[in-house]
C-alpha atoms as a PDB file:
ATOM      1  CA  UNK A   1     -11.250  23.220 -37.799  1.00  0.00           C
ATOM      2  CA  UNK A   2      -8.568  25.838 -37.215  1.00  0.00           C
ATOM      3  CA  UNK A   3      -6.927  27.636 -34.328  1.00  0.00           C
ATOM      4  CA  UNK A   4      -5.263  31.044 -34.768  1.00  0.00           C
ATOM      5  CA  UNK A   5      -1.624  31.562 -33.785  1.00  0.00           C
ATOM      6  CA  UNK A   6       0.604  34.607 -33.750  1.00  0.00           C
ATOM      7  CA  UNK A   7       1.466  33.903 -37.395  1.00  0.00           C
ATOM      8  CA  UNK A   8      -0.979  31.896 -39.492  1.00  0.00           C
ATOM      9  CA  UNK A   9      -3.658  29.394 -38.511  1.00  0.00           C
ATOM     10  CA  UNK A  10      -3.006  25.824 -37.370  1.00  0.00           C
ATOM     11  CA  UNK A  11      -5.230  22.979 -38.576  1.00  0.00           C
ATOM     12  CA  UNK A  12      -6.818  21.180 -35.633  1.00  0.00           C
ATOM     13  CA  UNK A  13      -9.127  18.836 -37.545  1.00  0.00           C
ATOM     14  CA  UNK A  14     -10.179  17.881 -41.053  1.00  0.00           C
ATOM     15  CA  UNK A  15     -13.325  16.428 -42.584  1.00  0.00           C
ATOM     16  CA  UNK A  16     -12.403  12.848 -43.564  1.00  0.00           C
ATOM     17  CA  UNK A  17     -12.218  12.566 -47.363  1.00  0.00           C
ATOM     18  CA  UNK A  18     -12.955  16.296 -47.674  1.00  0.00           C
ATOM     19  CA  UNK A  19     -11.118  18.489 -50.195  1.00  0.00           C
ATOM     20  CA  UNK A  20      -8.448  19.605 -47.705  1.00  0.00           C
ATOM     21  CA  UNK A  21      -7.709  16.064 -46.524  1.00  0.00           C
ATOM     22  CA  UNK A  22      -7.585  14.779 -50.115  1.00  0.00           C
ATOM     23  CA  UNK A  23      -5.060  17.496 -51.005  1.00  0.00           C
ATOM     24  CA  UNK A  24      -2.672  16.328 -48.295  1.00  0.00           C
ATOM     25  CA  UNK A  25      -3.411  18.924 -45.602  1.00  0.00           C
ATOM     26  CA  UNK A  26      -2.844  17.422 -42.141  1.00  0.00           C
ATOM     27  CA  UNK A  27      -3.691  18.172 -38.526  1.00  0.00           C
ATOM     28  CA  UNK A  28      -0.990  20.445 -37.156  1.00  0.00           C
ATOM     29  CA  UNK A  29      -0.215  22.149 -40.487  1.00  0.00           C
ATOM     30  CA  UNK A  30       0.235  25.895 -40.120  1.00  0.00           C
ATOM     31  CA  UNK A  31      -1.488  27.790 -42.955  1.00  0.00           C
ATOM     32  CA  UNK A  32       0.623  30.804 -43.899  1.00  0.00           C
ATOM     33  CA  UNK A  33      -1.129  31.942 -47.075  1.00  0.00           C
ATOM     34  CA  UNK A  34      -4.070  31.196 -49.333  1.00  0.00           C
ATOM     35  CA  UNK A  35      -3.626  32.076 -53.023  1.00  0.00           C
ATOM     36  CA  UNK A  36      -0.601  34.238 -52.073  1.00  0.00           C
ATOM     37  CA  UNK A  37      -2.648  36.240 -49.520  1.00  0.00           C
ATOM     38  CA  UNK A  38      -1.192  36.087 -46.010  1.00  0.00           C
ATOM     39  CA  UNK A  39      -3.440  34.356 -43.471  1.00  0.00           C
ATOM     40  CA  UNK A  40      -3.094  36.010 -40.066  1.00  0.00           C
ATOM     41  CA  UNK A  41      -6.288  34.847 -38.399  1.00  0.00           C
ATOM     42  CA  UNK A  42      -9.067  32.294 -38.592  1.00  0.00           C
ATOM     43  CA  UNK A  43     -11.293  35.111 -39.880  1.00  0.00           C
ATOM     44  CA  UNK A  44      -8.859  35.768 -42.768  1.00  0.00           C
ATOM     45  CA  UNK A  45      -8.871  32.069 -43.625  1.00  0.00           C
ATOM     46  CA  UNK A  46     -12.645  31.657 -43.622  1.00  0.00           C
ATOM     47  CA  UNK A  47     -13.330  34.903 -45.518  1.00  0.00           C
ATOM     48  CA  UNK A  48     -10.887  33.837 -48.230  1.00  0.00           C
ATOM     49  CA  UNK A  49     -12.344  30.333 -48.441  1.00  0.00           C
ATOM     50  CA  UNK A  50     -15.960  31.514 -48.609  1.00  0.00           C
ATOM     51  CA  UNK A  51     -15.129  33.761 -51.602  1.00  0.00           C
ATOM     52  CA  UNK A  52     -14.313  30.635 -53.586  1.00  0.00           C
ATOM     53  CA  UNK A  53     -16.753  28.187 -55.077  1.00  0.00           C
ATOM     54  CA  UNK A  54     -16.972  24.471 -55.803  1.00  0.00           C
ATOM     55  CA  UNK A  55     -14.246  23.389 -58.191  1.00  0.00           C
ATOM     56  CA  UNK A  56     -12.070  26.466 -57.622  1.00  0.00           C
ATOM     57  CA  UNK A  57      -8.360  25.678 -57.284  1.00  0.00           C
ATOM     58  CA  UNK A  58      -6.835  27.050 -54.088  1.00  0.00           C
ATOM     59  CA  UNK A  59      -3.105  27.239 -53.367  1.00  0.00           C
ATOM     60  CA  UNK A  60      -2.151  26.953 -49.712  1.00  0.00           C
ATOM     61  CA  UNK A  61       1.300  27.620 -48.339  1.00  0.00           C
ATOM     62  CA  UNK A  62       1.701  25.645 -45.130  1.00  0.00           C
ATOM     63  CA  UNK A  63       4.456  24.960 -42.637  1.00  0.00           C
ATOM     64  CA  UNK A  64       4.893  21.320 -41.617  1.00  0.00           C
ATOM     65  CA  UNK A  65       7.846  19.927 -39.678  1.00  0.00           C
ATOM     66  CA  UNK A  66       9.686  23.249 -40.120  1.00  0.00           C
ATOM     67  CA  UNK A  67       9.370  23.025 -43.910  1.00  0.00           C
ATOM     68  CA  UNK A  68       7.262  25.263 -46.127  1.00  0.00           C
ATOM     69  CA  UNK A  69       5.025  23.310 -48.490  1.00  0.00           C
ATOM     70  CA  UNK A  70       2.620  24.321 -51.216  1.00  0.00           C
ATOM     71  CA  UNK A  71      -0.631  22.380 -51.542  1.00  0.00           C
ATOM     72  CA  UNK A  72      -3.294  22.613 -54.247  1.00  0.00           C
ATOM     73  CA  UNK A  73      -6.867  22.146 -53.015  1.00  0.00           C
ATOM     74  CA  UNK A  74      -9.966  21.924 -55.196  1.00  0.00           C
ATOM     75  CA  UNK A  75     -12.910  23.561 -53.445  1.00  0.00           C
ATOM     76  CA  UNK A  76     -15.865  21.370 -52.548  1.00  0.00           C
ATOM     77  CA  UNK A  77     -19.591  22.068 -52.511  1.00  0.00           C
ATOM     78  CA  UNK A  78     -20.442  23.329 -49.006  1.00  0.00           C
ATOM     79  CA  UNK A  79     -24.196  22.906 -49.586  1.00  0.00           C
ATOM     80  CA  UNK A  80     -23.643  19.257 -50.517  1.00  0.00           C
ATOM     81  CA  UNK A  81     -21.533  18.764 -47.385  1.00  0.00           C
ATOM     82  CA  UNK A  82     -24.265  20.166 -45.115  1.00  0.00           C
ATOM     83  CA  UNK A  83     -26.950  18.053 -46.804  1.00  0.00           C
ATOM     84  CA  UNK A  84     -24.998  14.946 -45.772  1.00  0.00           C
ATOM     85  CA  UNK A  85     -25.001  15.862 -42.067  1.00  0.00           C
END
């Protein structure tokens, strides 16, 4: 779950044991870019994510505790996730 800010998108919730959580992304992280593309809105974030498939490697630049960090996320299977609901 994400909330847009003036610059980037802040993470407001993660799927437990999901790809983002496993990569080290945390609630409160501010996503600045995805694969070197600036993320200015929630729409930007979701459009970029939905262009990727299961197993794709995604590089996120995030701000946490006033420090920029780079995280590598391996995309999960969205269809598999929804089947589990």
